[in-house]
Amino acid sequence: MNSEMKLFIIFLLTAFSSAQLKEALEKSVADGTPGMAAIVFDQEKIIARAEVGHQTSAQKTPITKDDLWHIGSDGKAMTATLLARLVERDLVQWDTPLSKIFPKNSQKFHPAAQAITIEQLLSHTAGLPANVDDALFMKARKAGDKRIVKQRLEVAQIMLAREPLHQPGTKFLYSNTGYVIAGAVAEKLLKTTWEKAIRKEVFDPLGMKSPGFGAPDGKNPRGHMVNGKTRQATFTGYMGDNPAIYGPAGGIHLSLHDWLKFARDHLGGHQLLEKETYTKLHQPVLNDYALGWGAREKDGVTTRLAHDGSNTLWYARIHLRLNRGKGFLIVANDAAKSTKNAIHEIDDICVEIMRK
C-alpha cells in the first residue's frame, strides 16, 4: 500500500470516527447540555474530534474548536508536574517534610502536620480535609487574586495548625486543601506566584498559549448553574469559579488544542521531565491514585491515567491509555447529572474509537 492510499484510509477513518463522536455529543446537547466538545488522539494525530451545542443556553453562539474550557481538578496533574520539575532541579524532594519548606511558619503546625511530605500532598494521603474552612473560603472570595501568595500561605498556616484527619501516608482522602498548600510550596521555592510558575515551568515549554485562571471570559463558553431543566449561564473570571487560592487544585481554563499538548507529554512525549519522573507521577500510591492522576496498573506497570474535573459549573475528563499510546478529552459547560451520565456514555464511544 502506497503512502497516498494510507493517508486516504486515515482520512476516511477519522471522518467516520468524528461523525460517530459528534452523534454522541449531539444526544447530550439534545438532552439539555448547552455545549460539549471531545477529541480522541494518539501521539501523532487526531483520531476523532467534534464540537456541538452553544456557548450559553440563552445565546445560540455555536461551540468552536478554539473555545476555552474550564477543566477543574484535571489541573491537579499540571500542579503535580510543576512540583516534579522542582524535584528534578533538587529544590525539593518527594519526601521533604513541610517543616523544612516553611521552617518559621511550621513552628505553629501540628507535630503530625510538620511531617507531611510533597508526595502526600499530591497523592491525597496527607490527612487534610477536602476543602479549606468556610471562613477562609469567603475571605479568599473577597480578596480575589490580590496578594495571592500571602493568601495561600495563610491557608497553610491555618489548616496545618490542626491535627491531620488521619496519620499522614496511611489513608486516601481527596483534598483540594492539599493542592492549595502544594501551590504555596511552589511559591515559597520559586519566590513567585503559582500562576506565574506554572506558566513558566509547564505551559510555555509545551507551547501552550491559551491557559488562564478562573472561568474564561470573552467570546467563549460560559459555565452554567443547573436548577431542574433550567440552565443559567454564570460569570467569567473568579466570579464564575472557586476563589483564586484554589488555582493549584483546579482553577485553569484552556483550549482543547493546548490541553492536548499536555496530555501528549504524559502519554509519551516526555518533553518536560525525565522518563523516571513520569513513572513516579503515574505510579499509584493509595486507592488507585498517583500524583495528580487516577491510575490503573497491571503487573506493576501503569497502563491507564484518568481524571475528572468540575467546579460544579463545568465538567471535564481526561483519559490516557499509556499501553496503547492513545487518549481522549471531553468537556462540557455544565455539570448537571444528565451531563455526567452522558460523559460516561461518550467515554465508551471514545474507548471504542481508540480500539479501531
Protein backbone atom coordinates (compact mmCIF):
# COMPACT_ATOMS: atom_id res chain seq x y z
CA MET A 1 0.00 0.00 0.00
CA ASN A 2 1.47 3.35 -1.03
CA SER A 3 1.59 6.43 1.20
CA GLU A 4 -1.26 8.20 -0.61
CA MET A 5 -3.56 5.24 -0.06
CA LYS A 6 -2.62 5.12 3.64
CA LEU A 7 -3.41 8.81 4.04
CA PHE A 8 -6.76 8.32 2.32
CA ILE A 9 -7.68 5.44 4.62
CA ILE A 10 -6.68 7.51 7.68
CA PHE A 11 -8.86 10.35 6.35
CA LEU A 12 -11.85 8.04 5.98
CA LEU A 13 -11.39 6.54 9.45
CA THR A 14 -11.07 9.99 11.01
CA ALA A 15 -14.19 11.24 9.23
CA PHE A 16 -16.21 8.19 10.30
CA SER A 17 -14.97 8.30 13.90
CA SER A 18 -15.60 12.05 14.16
CA ALA A 19 -19.17 11.57 12.91
CA GLN A 20 -19.68 8.81 15.50
CA LEU A 21 -18.32 11.09 18.25
CA LYS A 22 -20.43 14.05 17.09
CA GLU A 23 -23.58 11.93 17.19
CA ALA A 24 -22.89 11.02 20.83
CA LEU A 25 -22.30 14.65 21.79
CA GLU A 26 -25.43 15.82 19.97
CA LYS A 27 -27.52 13.41 22.01
CA SER A 28 -26.29 15.02 25.23
CA VAL A 29 -26.94 18.53 23.90
CA ALA A 30 -30.43 17.47 22.85
CA ASP A 31 -30.98 16.37 26.46
CA GLY A 32 -30.06 19.85 27.74
CA THR A 33 -26.28 20.27 27.98
CA PRO A 34 -25.53 23.69 26.41
CA GLY A 35 -22.25 22.76 24.72
CA MET A 36 -19.71 19.95 24.53
CA ALA A 37 -16.51 19.04 22.76
CA ALA A 38 -14.30 15.96 22.63
CA ILE A 39 -11.11 14.81 20.98
CA VAL A 40 -9.55 11.35 20.57
CA PHE A 41 -5.86 11.24 19.73
CA ASP A 42 -2.58 9.41 19.65
CA GLN A 43 0.92 10.82 19.84
CA GLU A 44 0.97 11.89 16.19
CA LYS A 45 -2.56 12.59 15.01
CA ILE A 46 -6.13 13.45 15.95
CA ILE A 47 -8.23 10.30 15.52
CA ALA A 48 -11.62 12.00 16.03
CA ARG A 49 -12.87 15.41 17.06
CA ALA A 50 -16.27 17.04 17.45
CA GLU A 51 -17.82 20.20 18.90
CA VAL A 52 -21.57 20.64 19.32
CA GLY A 53 -24.04 22.96 21.00
CA HIS A 54 -23.70 26.55 22.13
CA GLN A 55 -21.55 28.72 24.35
CA THR A 56 -24.54 29.58 26.55
CA SER A 57 -28.04 28.18 26.96
CA ALA A 58 -29.62 31.52 26.03
CA GLN A 59 -27.41 32.88 23.24
CA LYS A 60 -27.01 30.47 20.35
CA THR A 61 -23.36 31.15 19.55
CA PRO A 62 -22.01 27.79 18.38
CA ILE A 63 -19.13 25.99 20.06
CA THR A 64 -15.89 26.17 18.04
CA LYS A 65 -12.65 24.19 18.09
CA ASP A 66 -10.77 27.20 19.54
CA ASP A 67 -13.06 27.78 22.54
CA LEU A 68 -11.67 27.82 26.08
CA TRP A 69 -12.94 25.40 28.73
CA HIS A 70 -12.59 25.23 32.50
CA ILE A 71 -11.11 21.83 33.41
CA GLY A 72 -11.46 21.89 37.21
CA SER A 73 -9.46 19.26 39.08
CA ASP A 74 -7.92 17.95 35.86
CA GLY A 75 -5.45 20.77 36.51
CA LYS A 76 -4.08 18.86 39.52
CA ALA A 77 -1.85 16.85 37.17
CA MET A 78 -0.37 20.15 35.99
CA THR A 79 0.42 21.26 39.54
CA ALA A 80 1.99 17.86 40.21
CA THR A 81 4.06 18.26 37.04
CA LEU A 82 5.23 21.68 38.24
CA LEU A 83 6.38 20.18 41.56
CA ALA A 84 8.11 17.36 39.65
CA ARG A 85 10.13 19.98 37.74
CA LEU A 86 11.30 21.38 41.09
CA VAL A 87 12.23 17.90 42.32
CA GLU A 88 14.36 17.36 39.23
CA ARG A 89 16.17 20.61 39.96
CA ASP A 90 16.84 19.47 43.56
CA LEU A 91 14.86 22.36 45.00
CA VAL A 92 12.79 19.84 46.94
CA GLN A 93 12.38 16.06 47.25
CA TRP A 94 9.25 13.93 47.23
CA ASP A 95 9.81 13.08 50.90
CA THR A 96 10.74 16.61 52.05
CA PRO A 97 8.59 17.47 55.11
CA LEU A 98 6.69 20.74 55.21
CA SER A 99 8.65 21.74 58.31
CA LYS A 100 11.74 22.15 56.09
CA ILE A 101 9.90 24.15 53.44
CA PHE A 102 8.25 26.52 55.92
CA PRO A 103 10.75 26.49 58.83
CA LYS A 104 9.38 29.60 60.59
CA ASN A 105 5.69 29.04 59.96
CA SER A 106 5.87 25.33 60.82
CA GLN A 107 6.60 26.12 64.46
CA LYS A 108 2.84 26.58 64.76
CA PHE A 109 1.96 23.49 62.69
CA HIS A 110 0.61 20.44 64.47
CA PRO A 111 3.53 17.99 65.04
CA ALA A 112 1.95 15.41 62.72
CA ALA A 113 1.36 18.05 60.05
CA GLN A 114 5.00 19.15 60.20
CA ALA A 115 5.96 15.75 58.79
CA ILE A 116 3.60 15.87 55.77
CA THR A 117 5.58 15.41 52.56
CA ILE A 118 5.23 16.66 48.98
CA GLU A 119 4.23 13.18 47.82
CA GLN A 120 1.49 13.02 50.46
CA LEU A 121 0.09 16.41 49.40
CA LEU A 122 -0.09 15.33 45.75
CA SER A 123 -1.44 11.81 46.41
CA HIS A 124 -4.21 12.93 48.82
CA THR A 125 -2.68 10.96 51.68
CA ALA A 126 -1.71 13.92 53.90
CA GLY A 127 -4.79 13.69 56.13
CA LEU A 128 -6.01 17.15 55.11
CA PRO A 129 -9.72 17.97 54.70
CA ALA A 130 -11.33 18.12 51.28
CA ASN A 131 -11.65 21.90 51.34
CA VAL A 132 -10.48 24.89 53.33
CA ASP A 133 -12.71 26.26 56.10
CA ASP A 134 -15.78 28.26 55.11
CA ALA A 135 -14.32 31.38 56.77
CA LEU A 136 -11.10 31.09 54.76
CA PHE A 137 -13.11 30.38 51.61
CA MET A 138 -15.23 33.51 51.99
CA LYS A 139 -12.24 35.65 52.92
CA ALA A 140 -10.46 34.46 49.78
CA ARG A 141 -13.58 35.11 47.72
CA LYS A 142 -13.50 38.77 48.78
CA ALA A 143 -9.75 39.11 48.23
CA GLY A 144 -9.76 37.72 44.68
CA ASP A 145 -6.23 37.30 43.35
CA LYS A 146 -4.72 40.16 45.37
CA ARG A 147 -1.61 39.17 47.34
CA ILE A 148 -2.32 35.58 46.35
CA VAL A 149 0.97 34.20 47.73
CA LYS A 150 0.10 35.54 51.18
CA GLN A 151 -3.39 34.02 50.92
CA ARG A 152 -2.11 30.54 50.13
CA LEU A 153 0.48 30.76 52.89
CA GLU A 154 -2.33 31.68 55.28
CA VAL A 155 -4.21 28.56 54.21
CA ALA A 156 -1.12 26.50 55.05
CA GLN A 157 -0.70 28.21 58.42
CA ILE A 158 -4.29 27.69 59.49
CA MET A 159 -5.04 24.24 58.07
CA LEU A 160 -1.71 22.73 59.15
CA ALA A 161 -2.06 24.02 62.71
CA ARG A 162 -4.67 21.33 63.26
CA GLU A 163 -4.17 17.63 63.76
CA PRO A 164 -4.49 15.75 60.45
CA LEU A 165 -7.67 13.73 59.98
CA HIS A 166 -5.53 10.60 59.81
CA GLN A 167 -1.86 9.75 60.16
CA PRO A 168 -0.20 11.15 57.01
CA GLY A 169 0.62 8.46 54.48
CA THR A 170 -1.80 5.84 55.80
CA LYS A 171 -5.13 6.64 54.09
CA PHE A 172 -6.54 8.27 50.96
CA LEU A 173 -8.73 11.37 51.40
CA TYR A 174 -9.27 13.55 48.32
CA SER A 175 -8.15 17.03 49.29
CA ASN A 176 -8.24 20.33 47.41
CA THR A 177 -6.63 21.78 50.54
CA GLY A 178 -3.53 19.68 49.93
CA TYR A 179 -3.15 21.11 46.43
CA VAL A 180 -3.62 24.68 47.62
CA ILE A 181 -0.72 24.03 50.01
CA ALA A 182 1.26 22.40 47.17
CA GLY A 183 0.82 25.69 45.32
CA ALA A 184 2.15 27.52 48.38
CA VAL A 185 5.19 25.19 48.35
CA ALA A 186 5.95 26.12 44.72
CA GLU A 187 5.54 29.80 45.57
CA LYS A 188 7.94 29.52 48.50
CA LEU A 189 10.60 27.67 46.49
CA LEU A 190 10.40 29.85 43.38
CA LYS A 191 9.60 33.16 45.10
CA THR A 192 6.75 33.90 42.71
CA THR A 193 3.05 33.10 42.31
CA TRP A 194 1.85 29.62 41.38
CA GLU A 195 0.19 31.23 38.35
CA LYS A 196 3.50 32.60 37.03
CA ALA A 197 5.36 29.44 37.97
CA ILE A 198 3.07 27.02 36.16
CA ARG A 199 3.06 29.21 33.08
CA LYS A 200 6.88 29.32 33.01
CA GLU A 201 7.53 25.71 34.00
CA VAL A 202 4.68 23.84 32.26
CA PHE A 203 2.67 25.89 29.78
CA ASP A 204 5.42 27.83 28.00
CA PRO A 205 7.79 24.88 27.41
CA LEU A 206 4.91 22.96 25.78
CA GLY A 207 3.86 25.93 23.65
CA MET A 208 0.53 26.29 25.44
CA LYS A 209 -0.69 29.85 24.78
CA SER A 210 -4.34 29.72 25.84
CA PRO A 211 -4.28 28.76 29.56
CA GLY A 212 -5.65 31.24 32.05
CA PHE A 213 -7.17 31.18 35.51
CA GLY A 214 -10.75 31.30 36.70
CA ALA A 215 -13.62 30.91 34.23
CA PRO A 216 -12.80 32.03 30.66
CA ASP A 217 -14.02 35.41 29.50
CA GLY A 218 -14.52 36.93 26.07
CA LYS A 219 -16.28 35.03 23.28
CA ASN A 220 -16.04 31.63 24.95
CA PRO A 221 -18.42 29.15 26.58
CA ARG A 222 -19.82 30.04 29.98
CA GLY A 223 -20.31 27.64 32.84
CA HIS A 224 -23.92 27.04 33.84
CA MET A 225 -25.83 26.71 37.09
CA VAL A 226 -28.46 23.99 36.79
CA ASN A 227 -31.84 24.03 38.50
CA GLY A 228 -34.01 21.22 37.26
CA LYS A 229 -34.21 21.70 33.50
CA THR A 230 -33.13 25.33 33.68
CA ARG A 231 -29.56 26.30 32.79
CA GLN A 232 -28.33 29.77 33.73
CA ALA A 233 -25.02 31.00 32.31
CA THR A 234 -22.66 32.24 35.04
CA PHE A 235 -19.87 34.79 35.33
CA THR A 236 -16.34 34.89 33.97
CA GLY A 237 -13.07 35.10 35.94
CA TYR A 238 -13.15 34.24 39.63
CA MET A 239 -16.80 35.27 39.90
CA GLY A 240 -17.57 32.14 37.92
CA ASP A 241 -15.14 29.90 39.77
CA ASN A 242 -13.83 28.96 43.19
CA PRO A 243 -11.64 31.61 44.89
CA ALA A 244 -8.23 32.24 43.33
CA ILE A 245 -6.46 30.34 46.13
CA TYR A 246 -7.89 27.14 44.59
CA GLY A 247 -5.91 27.59 41.37
CA PRO A 248 -3.41 24.76 42.07
CA ALA A 249 -6.31 22.43 42.92
CA GLY A 250 -8.38 23.22 39.85
CA GLY A 251 -8.65 26.79 38.55
CA ILE A 252 -7.32 26.51 34.96
CA HIS A 253 -9.07 27.14 31.66
CA LEU A 254 -7.61 26.45 28.21
CA SER A 255 -8.37 25.26 24.69
CA LEU A 256 -8.64 21.59 23.84
CA HIS A 257 -5.71 22.05 21.45
CA ASP A 258 -3.47 23.18 24.31
CA TRP A 259 -4.76 20.56 26.74
CA LEU A 260 -3.86 18.02 24.07
CA LYS A 261 -0.22 19.19 24.24
CA PHE A 262 -0.09 18.48 27.98
CA ALA A 263 -1.86 15.13 27.54
CA ARG A 264 0.56 14.02 24.84
CA ASP A 265 3.52 14.95 27.03
CA HIS A 266 2.30 12.49 29.67
CA LEU A 267 1.23 9.96 27.05
CA GLY A 268 4.82 9.58 25.90
CA GLY A 269 6.10 12.88 24.57
CA HIS A 270 8.24 13.42 27.68
CA GLN A 271 9.39 16.97 26.95
CA LEU A 272 9.12 18.39 30.45
CA LEU A 273 10.62 15.66 32.64
CA GLU A 274 12.90 12.67 32.71
CA LYS A 275 11.25 9.32 31.95
CA GLU A 276 11.66 8.08 35.52
CA THR A 277 9.91 11.19 36.84
CA TYR A 278 6.84 10.48 34.70
CA THR A 279 6.90 6.95 36.09
CA LYS A 280 6.87 8.42 39.60
CA LEU A 281 3.97 10.76 38.81
CA HIS A 282 1.97 7.89 37.28
CA GLN A 283 2.59 5.28 39.97
CA PRO A 284 -0.48 4.68 42.21
CA VAL A 285 0.11 5.43 45.90
CA LEU A 286 -3.22 4.52 47.51
CA ASN A 287 -6.77 4.00 46.24
CA ASP A 288 -5.69 3.89 42.57
CA TYR A 289 -4.47 7.48 42.81
CA ALA A 290 -0.98 8.57 41.77
CA LEU A 291 0.31 12.17 41.85
CA GLY A 292 -2.40 14.28 40.21
CA TRP A 293 -3.84 11.30 38.35
CA GLY A 294 -6.22 8.45 38.90
CA ALA A 295 -4.15 5.45 37.79
CA ARG A 296 -4.57 1.78 36.97
CA GLU A 297 -1.70 -0.65 36.72
CA LYS A 298 -1.08 -4.19 35.51
CA ASP A 299 1.84 -6.29 36.68
CA GLY A 300 3.30 -3.25 38.43
CA VAL A 301 3.19 -1.05 35.32
CA THR A 302 0.75 1.86 35.00
CA THR A 303 -1.40 1.34 31.92
CA ARG A 304 -4.10 3.99 32.33
CA LEU A 305 -4.37 7.54 33.64
CA ALA A 306 -7.63 9.43 34.08
CA HIS A 307 -9.18 12.31 35.99
CA ASP A 308 -12.46 14.22 36.12
CA GLY A 309 -12.71 17.90 36.93
CA SER A 310 -15.60 20.20 37.85
CA ASN A 311 -16.20 23.39 39.79
CA THR A 312 -19.95 22.47 39.67
CA LEU A 313 -20.46 24.78 36.63
CA TRP A 314 -18.32 22.88 34.09
CA TYR A 315 -17.26 19.26 33.60
CA ALA A 316 -14.13 17.80 32.04
CA ARG A 317 -12.50 14.38 31.66
CA ILE A 318 -9.03 13.27 30.56
CA HIS A 319 -8.25 9.63 29.83
CA LEU A 320 -4.88 8.26 28.70
CA ARG A 321 -4.17 4.66 27.73
CA LEU A 322 -0.40 4.54 28.20
CA ASN A 323 -0.18 0.97 26.94
CA ARG A 324 -1.95 1.92 23.69
CA GLY A 325 -0.43 5.36 23.21
CA LYS A 326 -3.90 6.88 22.83
CA GLY A 327 -6.22 9.11 24.82
CA PHE A 328 -9.23 11.40 24.80
CA LEU A 329 -10.52 14.64 26.31
CA ILE A 330 -14.18 15.53 26.94
CA VAL A 331 -15.52 18.93 28.09
CA ALA A 332 -18.94 20.40 28.85
CA ASN A 333 -20.12 23.79 30.06
CA ASP A 334 -22.38 22.48 32.79
CA ALA A 335 -22.17 19.71 35.39
CA ALA A 336 -25.77 18.51 35.53
CA LYS A 337 -26.43 14.88 36.40
CA SER A 338 -27.58 14.26 32.82
CA THR A 339 -24.30 15.69 31.51
CA LYS A 340 -22.23 13.48 33.80
CA ASN A 341 -24.23 10.44 32.67
CA ALA A 342 -23.70 11.43 29.04
CA ILE A 343 -19.94 11.76 29.57
CA HIS A 344 -19.84 8.15 30.76
CA GLU A 345 -21.55 7.11 27.51
CA ILE A 346 -19.23 9.31 25.43
CA ASP A 347 -16.32 7.75 27.30
CA ASP A 348 -17.42 4.35 25.97
CA ILE A 349 -17.59 5.73 22.42
CA CYS A 350 -14.09 7.19 22.75
CA VAL A 351 -12.71 3.87 24.01
CA GLU A 352 -14.38 2.12 21.06
CA ILE A 353 -12.79 4.60 18.64
CA MET A 354 -9.36 4.07 20.22
CA ARG A 355 -9.65 0.31 19.61
CA LYS A 356 -10.07 0.69 15.84
